[in-house]
Amino acid sequence: MEVTMFFRLLLKGSAALIAFAMPYGLRAAAFSDIPGEGNLRCLPPACPDSRGTVTSTPANLITGSLSGAMPELQVSLTTSPVFLTFSGGGTVFGPLGLNPKYNPESNRDSRIPVSGQPIAMDITNNTGNAVAGVTFYLEIPQVEVVGPFPVQPDGISFGVWCNTGLAEPRNCANHIDLLMKPTGPGVLNPIDITPSAGPDSTFGDLLRFSGVNLAAGDTARFTFFITDRKATLDPSTGGSLEGASRMLNLEVVATPVPEPATLLLTGTALLLAFSMRYKRGRPSR
């Protein structure tokens, strides 16, 4: 038994010595692992990467690519909702590719999604009228959102990550944030970037910009992060053994500036409603 233990210790010491003597690049490659089981141990820049493509519905409303440190996309905004479909890429990371902010601090990769990219999107107003607001709905199926936006359990988000420490258990449900604050003209609805907005919150799935005031023919830039939590396996943050999604959709909707006649009609209706309420509230004589 003592001889067996001796050989075990000898083998361990030899393995440690080989790992120490191995060139850095080879050591990084040796730590490479397929994301999807919670142990992507590659050290950037040795991690693999791949990018997909983006198309639009209706067709030909988008140009640009997912290449580069911050992919730049140009979108033509129409009166109807525009769907941007992200697809292709490698089977490991899906269309988004390796998240540039991914930098594992331990053998686990649950804190920062492995798959994702920061996006710079230049929106051109081709509706023919001024645009008051722009809304971004992030979802997997290409379904037009006409009512309340549902909570998305698919792991696709505007950069949600677990900002707690490395110690287990991480309790990520109470320690989530966005990798980057979305930017754009106008005012971003604070509920869309507030993690504590409630259990039915659309935090991470919906961005609503109001007061954009984008004139016909003008262009405005919006920036945000898109990540896929499914590329890692951690039950507390929505990981999946299937790895990254092969496709996702971003619905872009314009809110037109109300026409003067509409504003006048709305104002008259409000004034009439107030007058009737006031009359009902007055004491009879």
Protein backbone atom coordinates (compact mmCIF):
# COMPACT_ATOMS: atom_id res chain seq x y z
CA MET A 1 0.00 0.00 0.00
CA GLU A 2 2.85 2.35 0.84
CA VAL A 3 4.41 1.70 -2.58
CA THR A 4 1.12 2.50 -4.33
CA MET A 5 0.79 5.77 -2.40
CA PHE A 6 4.37 6.66 -3.30
CA PHE A 7 3.73 6.23 -7.02
CA ARG A 8 0.52 8.30 -6.79
CA LEU A 9 2.42 11.16 -5.18
CA LEU A 10 5.17 10.83 -7.78
CA LEU A 11 2.67 11.05 -10.63
CA LYS A 12 1.00 14.11 -9.09
CA GLY A 13 4.32 15.87 -8.71
CA SER A 14 5.33 15.07 -12.29
CA ALA A 15 2.02 16.41 -13.65
CA ALA A 16 2.41 19.63 -11.67
CA LEU A 17 5.98 20.07 -12.93
CA ILE A 18 4.93 19.52 -16.55
CA ALA A 19 2.08 22.03 -16.22
CA PHE A 20 4.43 24.62 -14.72
CA ALA A 21 7.03 24.12 -17.45
CA MET A 22 4.44 24.23 -20.26
CA PRO A 23 4.40 27.47 -22.32
CA TYR A 24 1.58 29.87 -21.41
CA GLY A 25 -0.23 29.44 -24.73
CA LEU A 26 -0.28 25.66 -24.41
CA ARG A 27 -1.45 25.86 -20.80
CA ALA A 28 -4.32 28.13 -21.82
CA ALA A 29 -5.29 25.76 -24.60
CA ALA A 30 -5.16 22.83 -22.20
CA PHE A 31 -7.73 24.56 -20.00
CA SER A 32 -10.13 24.98 -22.93
CA ASP A 33 -13.53 23.44 -22.36
CA ILE A 34 -16.87 23.51 -24.16
CA PRO A 35 -19.30 25.96 -22.51
CA GLY A 36 -22.62 24.47 -21.62
CA GLU A 37 -21.48 22.39 -18.66
CA GLY A 38 -20.26 25.18 -16.42
CA ASN A 39 -16.51 24.71 -16.79
CA LEU A 40 -15.14 26.87 -19.58
CA ARG A 41 -11.55 27.15 -18.35
CA CYS A 42 -9.87 28.75 -21.34
CA LEU A 43 -7.99 31.96 -20.70
CA PRO A 44 -8.65 34.83 -23.15
CA PRO A 45 -7.44 35.29 -25.85
CA ALA A 46 -7.01 31.51 -26.19
CA CYS A 47 -10.78 30.94 -26.05
CA PRO A 48 -12.39 30.02 -29.38
CA ASP A 49 -14.78 32.45 -31.06
CA SER A 50 -17.30 32.59 -33.88
CA ARG A 51 -19.88 35.10 -35.12
CA GLY A 52 -23.15 34.72 -36.97
CA THR A 53 -25.18 37.06 -39.18
CA VAL A 54 -28.11 39.44 -38.74
CA THR A 55 -31.05 39.68 -41.16
CA SER A 56 -34.27 41.68 -41.03
CA THR A 57 -38.00 41.09 -41.48
CA PRO A 58 -39.12 42.86 -43.66
CA ALA A 59 -35.99 42.17 -45.70
CA ASN A 60 -33.15 44.56 -46.52
CA LEU A 61 -33.66 46.90 -43.57
CA ILE A 62 -30.29 46.19 -41.93
CA THR A 63 -26.62 46.48 -42.89
CA GLY A 64 -23.41 45.82 -40.96
CA SER A 65 -22.04 42.69 -39.32
CA LEU A 66 -21.34 41.10 -35.94
CA SER A 67 -17.57 41.37 -36.37
CA GLY A 68 -15.36 43.67 -34.32
CA ALA A 69 -15.06 44.60 -30.65
CA MET A 70 -18.41 46.43 -30.76
CA PRO A 71 -20.42 45.32 -33.81
CA GLU A 72 -22.08 48.22 -35.64
CA LEU A 73 -25.47 47.70 -37.27
CA GLN A 74 -27.49 50.17 -39.36
CA VAL A 75 -31.27 49.75 -39.24
CA SER A 76 -33.97 51.44 -41.33
CA LEU A 77 -36.96 52.07 -39.06
CA THR A 78 -40.40 51.84 -40.69
CA THR A 79 -43.96 52.30 -39.49
CA SER A 80 -44.23 48.53 -38.97
CA PRO A 81 -42.18 46.59 -36.38
CA VAL A 82 -38.78 45.43 -37.65
CA PHE A 83 -37.43 42.04 -36.58
CA LEU A 84 -33.66 41.56 -36.49
CA THR A 85 -32.82 37.85 -36.52
CA PHE A 86 -29.41 36.79 -35.17
CA SER A 87 -28.48 33.32 -36.48
CA GLY A 88 -25.58 31.11 -37.52
CA GLY A 89 -22.18 31.16 -35.88
CA GLY A 90 -20.53 28.21 -34.18
CA THR A 91 -22.41 25.50 -32.33
CA VAL A 92 -20.69 26.51 -29.08
CA PHE A 93 -21.43 30.23 -28.83
CA GLY A 94 -24.33 30.67 -31.23
CA PRO A 95 -24.57 33.80 -33.41
CA LEU A 96 -23.25 36.21 -30.77
CA GLY A 97 -19.83 34.64 -30.35
CA LEU A 98 -17.51 34.87 -27.35
CA ASN A 99 -18.42 37.62 -24.87
CA PRO A 100 -15.47 40.08 -24.75
CA LYS A 101 -16.22 40.68 -21.06
CA TYR A 102 -15.88 36.98 -20.27
CA ASN A 103 -12.80 36.53 -18.11
CA PRO A 104 -13.18 33.63 -15.68
CA GLU A 105 -11.92 34.25 -12.17
CA SER A 106 -12.36 30.60 -11.16
CA ASN A 107 -13.07 27.22 -12.70
CA ARG A 108 -16.76 28.14 -12.82
CA ASP A 109 -18.12 30.50 -15.47
CA SER A 110 -21.54 31.35 -14.06
CA ARG A 111 -20.99 35.03 -13.26
CA ILE A 112 -20.49 36.44 -16.75
CA PRO A 113 -22.23 34.88 -19.79
CA VAL A 114 -19.75 33.27 -22.18
CA SER A 115 -21.81 34.22 -25.24
CA GLY A 116 -22.59 37.87 -26.04
CA GLN A 117 -21.59 41.14 -27.70
CA PRO A 118 -21.97 44.88 -27.10
CA ILE A 119 -23.97 46.31 -30.00
CA ALA A 120 -23.94 49.82 -31.52
CA MET A 121 -27.13 50.28 -33.55
CA ASP A 122 -27.69 53.30 -35.79
CA ILE A 123 -31.45 53.75 -36.27
CA THR A 124 -32.59 55.83 -39.25
CA ASN A 125 -36.15 57.15 -39.15
CA ASN A 126 -37.74 56.18 -42.47
CA THR A 127 -41.33 56.29 -41.23
CA GLY A 128 -42.02 59.58 -42.98
CA ASN A 129 -42.92 61.28 -39.68
CA ALA A 130 -41.16 62.25 -36.47
CA VAL A 131 -40.57 59.40 -34.00
CA ALA A 132 -41.25 60.02 -30.32
CA GLY A 133 -39.87 56.76 -28.96
CA VAL A 134 -38.07 53.53 -29.85
CA THR A 135 -38.67 50.20 -28.10
CA PHE A 136 -36.49 47.08 -28.24
CA TYR A 137 -38.06 43.69 -27.41
CA LEU A 138 -35.57 40.81 -27.05
CA GLU A 139 -36.97 37.33 -27.60
CA ILE A 140 -36.31 33.99 -29.29
CA PRO A 141 -39.50 33.52 -31.38
CA GLN A 142 -40.35 36.10 -34.02
CA VAL A 143 -43.68 37.17 -32.57
CA GLU A 144 -44.99 40.73 -32.70
CA VAL A 145 -45.56 42.07 -29.21
CA VAL A 146 -48.96 43.73 -29.07
CA GLY A 147 -49.78 43.47 -25.35
CA PRO A 148 -47.83 43.35 -22.10
CA PHE A 149 -44.34 42.02 -22.75
CA PRO A 150 -44.02 38.57 -21.12
CA VAL A 151 -41.13 37.56 -18.87
CA GLN A 152 -38.58 35.63 -20.94
CA PRO A 153 -37.16 32.41 -19.39
CA ASP A 154 -34.87 31.79 -22.36
CA GLY A 155 -31.57 33.17 -21.03
CA ILE A 156 -31.36 35.83 -23.79
CA SER A 157 -30.98 39.29 -22.23
CA PHE A 158 -29.54 42.78 -22.54
CA GLY A 159 -26.37 41.77 -20.67
CA VAL A 160 -27.67 40.33 -17.39
CA TRP A 161 -24.90 38.95 -15.18
CA CYS A 162 -24.38 37.83 -11.58
CA ASN A 163 -22.36 40.50 -9.76
CA THR A 164 -21.90 38.63 -6.48
CA GLY A 165 -18.63 37.12 -5.29
CA LEU A 166 -17.13 33.79 -6.31
CA ALA A 167 -18.04 31.95 -3.11
CA GLU A 168 -20.81 29.36 -3.32
CA PRO A 169 -23.74 29.59 -3.01
CA ARG A 170 -23.81 32.72 -5.13
CA ASN A 171 -27.47 33.67 -4.65
CA CYS A 172 -27.50 35.27 -8.10
CA ALA A 173 -31.23 35.88 -7.95
CA ASN A 174 -30.57 38.78 -5.56
CA HIS A 175 -27.32 39.96 -7.16
CA ILE A 176 -27.94 40.71 -10.83
CA ASP A 177 -27.03 43.70 -12.95
CA LEU A 178 -26.34 44.69 -16.58
CA LEU A 179 -22.85 44.43 -18.07
CA MET A 180 -23.36 47.83 -19.71
CA LYS A 181 -25.97 50.54 -19.27
CA PRO A 182 -27.93 50.97 -22.52
CA THR A 183 -27.62 54.40 -24.10
CA GLY A 184 -29.58 56.38 -26.66
CA PRO A 185 -31.40 59.66 -27.18
CA GLY A 186 -34.35 60.51 -24.98
CA VAL A 187 -35.12 58.85 -21.66
CA LEU A 188 -34.74 55.13 -20.92
CA ASN A 189 -37.54 53.70 -18.76
CA PRO A 190 -35.87 53.06 -15.37
CA ILE A 191 -37.97 49.92 -14.80
CA ASP A 192 -36.21 48.25 -17.72
CA ILE A 193 -32.82 48.53 -16.01
CA THR A 194 -33.91 47.98 -12.40
CA PRO A 195 -33.36 44.41 -11.12
CA SER A 196 -35.68 44.90 -8.12
CA ALA A 197 -38.73 45.86 -10.17
CA GLY A 198 -40.61 42.73 -9.02
CA PRO A 199 -40.99 39.04 -9.92
CA ASP A 200 -42.79 39.88 -13.17
CA SER A 201 -40.19 42.45 -14.16
CA THR A 202 -39.04 42.60 -17.77
CA PHE A 203 -35.58 43.68 -16.59
CA GLY A 204 -33.01 42.57 -19.14
CA ASP A 205 -35.55 41.79 -21.90
CA LEU A 206 -37.07 45.17 -22.76
CA LEU A 207 -35.71 48.67 -23.46
CA ARG A 208 -38.11 51.62 -23.88
CA PHE A 209 -36.72 54.98 -24.97
CA SER A 210 -39.16 57.90 -24.86
CA GLY A 211 -38.68 61.55 -25.81
CA VAL A 212 -36.38 60.50 -28.66
CA ASN A 213 -37.77 63.19 -31.02
CA LEU A 214 -36.12 61.71 -34.10
CA ALA A 215 -37.09 63.72 -37.18
CA ALA A 216 -37.89 62.01 -40.47
CA GLY A 217 -34.68 60.97 -42.21
CA ASP A 218 -32.48 61.49 -39.13
CA THR A 219 -30.30 58.83 -37.50
CA ALA A 220 -29.65 58.13 -33.81
CA ARG A 221 -27.30 55.65 -32.16
CA PHE A 222 -28.39 53.19 -29.46
CA THR A 223 -25.94 50.94 -27.61
CA PHE A 224 -26.63 47.89 -25.47
CA PHE A 225 -25.25 44.45 -24.63
CA ILE A 226 -26.88 41.21 -25.78
CA THR A 227 -25.91 38.00 -24.00
CA ASP A 228 -27.00 34.37 -23.93
CA ARG A 229 -26.96 32.82 -20.46
CA LYS A 230 -27.70 29.38 -21.93
CA ALA A 231 -24.05 29.07 -22.97
CA THR A 232 -23.17 28.21 -19.37
CA LEU A 233 -24.55 25.72 -16.90
CA ASP A 234 -25.53 27.19 -13.55
CA PRO A 235 -29.11 26.59 -12.33
CA SER A 236 -29.13 29.89 -10.45
CA THR A 237 -28.53 31.88 -13.63
CA GLY A 238 -30.41 29.89 -16.27
CA GLY A 239 -27.64 27.82 -17.83
CA SER A 240 -28.41 24.91 -20.13
CA LEU A 241 -26.69 21.72 -21.23
CA GLU A 242 -27.75 22.57 -24.79
CA GLY A 243 -25.37 25.52 -24.91
CA ALA A 244 -26.09 28.82 -26.68
CA SER A 245 -29.28 29.42 -28.63
CA ARG A 246 -28.93 29.02 -32.39
CA MET A 247 -31.21 31.98 -33.10
CA LEU A 248 -32.75 35.02 -31.40
CA ASN A 249 -34.86 38.00 -32.45
CA LEU A 250 -34.79 41.67 -31.58
CA GLU A 251 -38.04 43.50 -32.37
CA VAL A 252 -37.64 47.25 -32.95
CA VAL A 253 -40.78 49.38 -32.76
CA ALA A 254 -41.20 53.08 -33.44
CA THR A 255 -43.65 55.26 -31.51
CA PRO A 256 -44.79 58.10 -33.77
CA VAL A 257 -45.19 61.66 -32.54
CA PRO A 258 -48.96 62.31 -32.20
CA GLU A 259 -50.38 64.57 -34.91
CA PRO A 260 -51.75 67.99 -33.81
CA ALA A 261 -55.33 66.87 -34.50
CA THR A 262 -54.83 63.84 -32.28
CA LEU A 263 -53.36 65.98 -29.52
CA LEU A 264 -56.31 68.39 -29.74
CA LEU A 265 -58.81 65.53 -29.61
CA THR A 266 -57.04 63.95 -26.63
CA GLY A 267 -56.90 67.28 -24.80
CA THR A 268 -60.61 67.91 -25.42
CA ALA A 269 -61.52 64.45 -24.13
CA LEU A 270 -59.45 64.94 -20.99
CA LEU A 271 -61.01 68.35 -20.37
CA LEU A 272 -64.52 66.93 -20.81
CA ALA A 273 -63.80 64.04 -18.44
CA PHE A 274 -62.44 66.44 -15.82
CA SER A 275 -65.47 68.70 -16.18
CA MET A 276 -67.91 65.81 -15.70
CA ARG A 277 -65.99 64.55 -12.68
CA TYR A 278 -65.99 68.04 -11.17
CA LYS A 279 -69.74 68.39 -11.65
CA ARG A 280 -70.39 65.01 -10.01
CA GLY A 281 -68.23 66.00 -7.06
CA ARG A 282 -70.00 69.35 -6.41
CA PRO A 283 -72.58 69.32 -3.60
CA SER A 284 -76.17 69.90 -4.77
CA ARG A 285 -77.98 73.02 -3.58
